[in-house]
Protein backbone atom coordinates (compact mmCIF):
# COMPACT_ATOMS: atom_id res chain seq x y z
CA UNK A 1 36.44 -12.97 21.70
CA UNK A 2 34.34 -13.99 18.70
CA UNK A 3 31.21 -13.12 20.36
CA UNK A 4 32.53 -9.73 21.34
CA UNK A 5 33.67 -9.12 17.75
CA UNK A 6 30.47 -10.41 16.37
CA UNK A 7 28.39 -8.10 18.70
CA UNK A 8 30.64 -5.09 17.80
CA UNK A 9 30.38 -5.57 13.97
CA UNK A 10 26.41 -6.08 14.59
CA UNK A 11 26.26 -2.72 16.34
CA UNK A 12 28.50 -0.98 13.69
CA UNK A 13 26.22 -2.48 10.73
CA UNK A 14 22.86 -1.51 12.66
CA UNK A 15 24.36 2.18 13.16
CA UNK A 16 25.47 2.44 9.47
CA UNK A 17 22.12 1.12 8.40
CA UNK A 18 20.47 3.89 10.46
CA UNK A 19 22.70 6.48 8.96
CA UNK A 20 22.14 5.50 5.55
CA UNK A 21 18.05 5.41 6.23
CA UNK A 22 18.18 8.84 7.79
CA UNK A 23 20.32 10.18 4.71
CA UNK A 24 17.81 8.83 2.36
CA UNK A 25 14.76 10.29 4.18
CA UNK A 26 16.41 13.66 4.26
CA UNK A 27 17.42 13.47 0.65
CA UNK A 28 13.72 12.08 -0.42
CA UNK A 29 11.97 15.08 1.36
CA UNK A 30 12.95 17.93 -1.03
CA UNK A 31 12.47 15.66 -4.35
CA UNK A 32 9.03 14.81 -2.80
CA UNK A 33 8.31 18.53 -2.11
CA UNK A 34 9.27 19.44 -5.66
CA UNK A 35 7.35 16.60 -7.05
CA UNK A 36 4.14 17.65 -5.16
CA UNK A 37 4.75 21.49 -6.02
CA UNK A 38 5.05 20.48 -9.55
CA UNK A 39 1.59 18.85 -9.55
CA UNK A 40 0.13 22.01 -7.83
CA UNK A 41 1.64 24.44 -10.54
CA UNK A 42 0.53 22.16 -13.30
CA UNK A 43 -2.94 22.35 -11.40
CA UNK A 44 -3.10 26.16 -11.37
CA UNK A 45 -1.39 26.39 -14.94
CA UNK A 46 -4.01 24.13 -16.68
CA UNK A 47 -6.83 25.99 -14.97
CA UNK A 48 -5.44 29.31 -16.31
CA UNK A 49 -5.18 27.73 -19.78
CA UNK A 50 -8.48 26.10 -19.66
CA UNK A 51 -6.94 22.92 -20.45
CA UNK A 52 -9.39 20.61 -19.08
CA UNK A 53 -7.48 17.14 -19.92
CA UNK A 54 -4.30 18.23 -18.18
CA UNK A 55 -6.43 19.54 -15.27
CA UNK A 56 -8.34 16.64 -14.52
CA UNK A 57 -5.72 14.25 -15.02
CA UNK A 58 -4.25 15.64 -11.89
CA UNK A 59 -6.88 14.29 -9.61
CA UNK A 60 -7.38 10.78 -7.86
CA UNK A 61 -10.92 9.47 -8.82
CA UNK A 62 -12.10 9.97 -5.17
CA UNK A 63 -10.94 13.60 -5.21
CA UNK A 64 -13.40 16.13 -3.51
CA UNK A 65 -13.07 19.89 -4.41
CA UNK A 66 -14.33 22.47 -2.19
CA UNK A 67 -15.20 26.23 -3.55
CA UNK A 68 -15.70 29.31 -1.39
CA UNK A 69 -19.49 29.04 -1.10
CA UNK A 70 -20.45 26.85 1.52
CA UNK A 71 -22.66 24.73 -1.20
CA UNK A 72 -19.58 24.04 -3.27
CA UNK A 73 -18.41 20.53 -2.60
CA UNK A 74 -17.78 18.47 -5.67
CA UNK A 75 -16.56 15.05 -6.71
CA UNK A 76 -14.36 15.10 -9.76
CA UNK A 77 -17.28 14.19 -11.98
CA UNK A 78 -19.48 17.10 -10.61
CA UNK A 79 -16.75 19.60 -10.96
CA UNK A 80 -16.11 18.21 -14.47
CA UNK A 81 -19.66 19.00 -15.61
CA UNK A 82 -19.42 22.47 -14.00
CA UNK A 83 -16.05 23.29 -15.54
CA UNK A 84 -15.72 21.78 -18.81
CA UNK A 85 -18.27 24.01 -20.44
CA UNK A 86 -16.09 27.06 -19.41
CA UNK A 87 -12.89 25.31 -20.44
CA UNK A 88 -14.40 24.55 -23.83
CA UNK A 89 -14.96 28.38 -24.43
CA UNK A 90 -11.23 29.13 -23.46
CA UNK A 91 -12.28 30.32 -20.12
CA UNK A 92 -10.40 29.33 -17.18
CA UNK A 93 -9.33 31.00 -13.69
CA UNK A 94 -5.93 32.26 -12.69
CA UNK A 95 -4.43 31.90 -9.18
CA UNK A 96 -1.11 32.97 -8.69
CA UNK A 97 0.82 31.39 -5.93
CA UNK A 98 2.53 33.60 -3.34
CA UNK A 99 3.48 31.08 -0.87
CA UNK A 100 3.19 27.33 -0.39
CA UNK A 101 4.07 24.77 2.51
CA UNK A 102 4.09 21.06 1.88
CA UNK A 103 4.13 18.35 4.76
CA UNK A 104 4.37 14.61 4.42
CA UNK A 105 3.22 11.44 6.39
CA UNK A 106 6.22 9.61 7.79
CA UNK A 107 5.64 6.94 5.08
CA UNK A 108 6.09 9.89 2.51
CA UNK A 109 3.08 8.76 0.29
CA UNK A 110 0.55 11.27 1.52
CA UNK A 111 1.28 15.07 1.39
CA UNK A 112 -0.79 17.95 2.54
CA UNK A 113 -0.40 21.46 1.81
CA UNK A 114 -1.35 25.14 2.16
CA UNK A 115 -0.89 28.02 -0.18
CA UNK A 116 -1.57 31.65 -0.28
CA UNK A 117 -2.91 32.74 -3.66
CA UNK A 118 -3.55 35.98 -5.50
CA UNK A 119 -6.62 36.31 -7.78
CA UNK A 120 -7.70 39.28 -9.77
CA UNK A 121 -11.30 39.00 -9.00
CA UNK A 122 -11.08 37.64 -5.25
CA UNK A 123 -7.75 39.03 -4.11
CA UNK A 124 -5.87 36.96 -1.59
CA UNK A 125 -7.11 33.40 -1.26
CA UNK A 126 -5.71 30.29 0.42
CA UNK A 127 -5.83 26.68 -1.26
CA UNK A 128 -5.46 23.79 1.05
CA UNK A 129 -5.53 20.07 0.24
CA UNK A 130 -4.05 16.34 0.26
CA UNK A 131 -2.40 14.53 -2.41
CA UNK A 132 -1.42 10.89 -2.41
CA UNK A 133 1.13 9.08 -4.21
CA UNK A 134 -0.12 6.29 -6.74
CA UNK A 135 3.25 4.75 -8.02
CA UNK A 136 5.40 7.44 -9.09
CA UNK A 137 2.53 10.04 -9.65
CA UNK A 138 1.26 12.32 -7.10
CA UNK A 139 -2.66 12.83 -7.33
CA UNK A 140 -4.96 15.62 -5.86
CA UNK A 141 -7.40 13.94 -3.30
CA UNK A 142 -8.77 16.93 -1.99
CA UNK A 143 -8.63 20.81 -2.85
CA UNK A 144 -10.41 23.63 -0.75
CA UNK A 145 -10.33 27.12 -1.79
CA UNK A 146 -11.12 30.01 0.73
CA UNK A 147 -11.05 33.64 0.85
CA UNK A 148 -9.38 34.46 4.24
CA UNK A 149 -11.36 36.93 6.17
CA UNK A 150 -9.45 39.50 8.28
CA UNK A 151 -10.41 39.21 11.91
CA UNK A 152 -11.31 42.75 12.19
CA UNK A 153 -13.94 42.08 9.39
CA UNK A 154 -15.13 38.70 10.51
CA UNK A 155 -18.25 39.99 12.57
CA UNK A 156 -19.42 42.00 9.75
CA UNK A 157 -18.93 39.61 7.32
CA UNK A 158 -20.79 36.89 9.35
CA UNK A 159 -23.78 39.30 9.77
CA UNK A 160 -23.81 39.89 6.01
CA UNK A 161 -23.88 36.04 5.58
CA UNK A 162 -26.71 35.60 8.12
CA UNK A 163 -28.69 38.58 6.85
CA UNK A 164 -27.72 39.63 3.61
CA UNK A 165 -30.56 42.05 2.89
CA UNK A 166 -29.80 44.08 6.14
CA UNK A 167 -27.10 46.64 6.49
CA UNK A 168 -24.25 45.04 8.47
CA UNK A 169 -23.15 46.69 11.84
CA UNK A 170 -19.60 48.00 12.19
CA UNK A 171 -17.15 45.45 14.05
CA UNK A 172 -17.05 45.83 17.78
CA UNK A 173 -13.66 46.47 19.20
């Protein structure tokens, strides 16, 4: 009888522990999502305000930033050298978030995201990237900015990139 009682209590304890872990994971996700979104919002806000100190504090030391041009791949130090002269003149850049999706590894210490942005000069853009949790702080490890090209314009754009001085043919249907 004691053996049956012990096994029953063990099963109940394991089941209860599983429920608690499940509840913790489901409640941790929104908090993590909002924490990651807060970092990304500060990223865009500090760039718009040309606040270099706040902007660069959001990056992990190993962060890589990629711009819209194929040649734009920067370490934090390289991007700092590029951006700080603009920031020191009060010139930043403004991207307004229209939509964002955030996902996490099962351990919850790495997040990746994609966001649709709007910019006065470039129109609709897409930002994608990765963040890692360092203690209680989320840091950006990678950020890539792209300009999505509608499929019906892709062939024309590719021709312009390959042969910038030649008129581009109309896209084929």
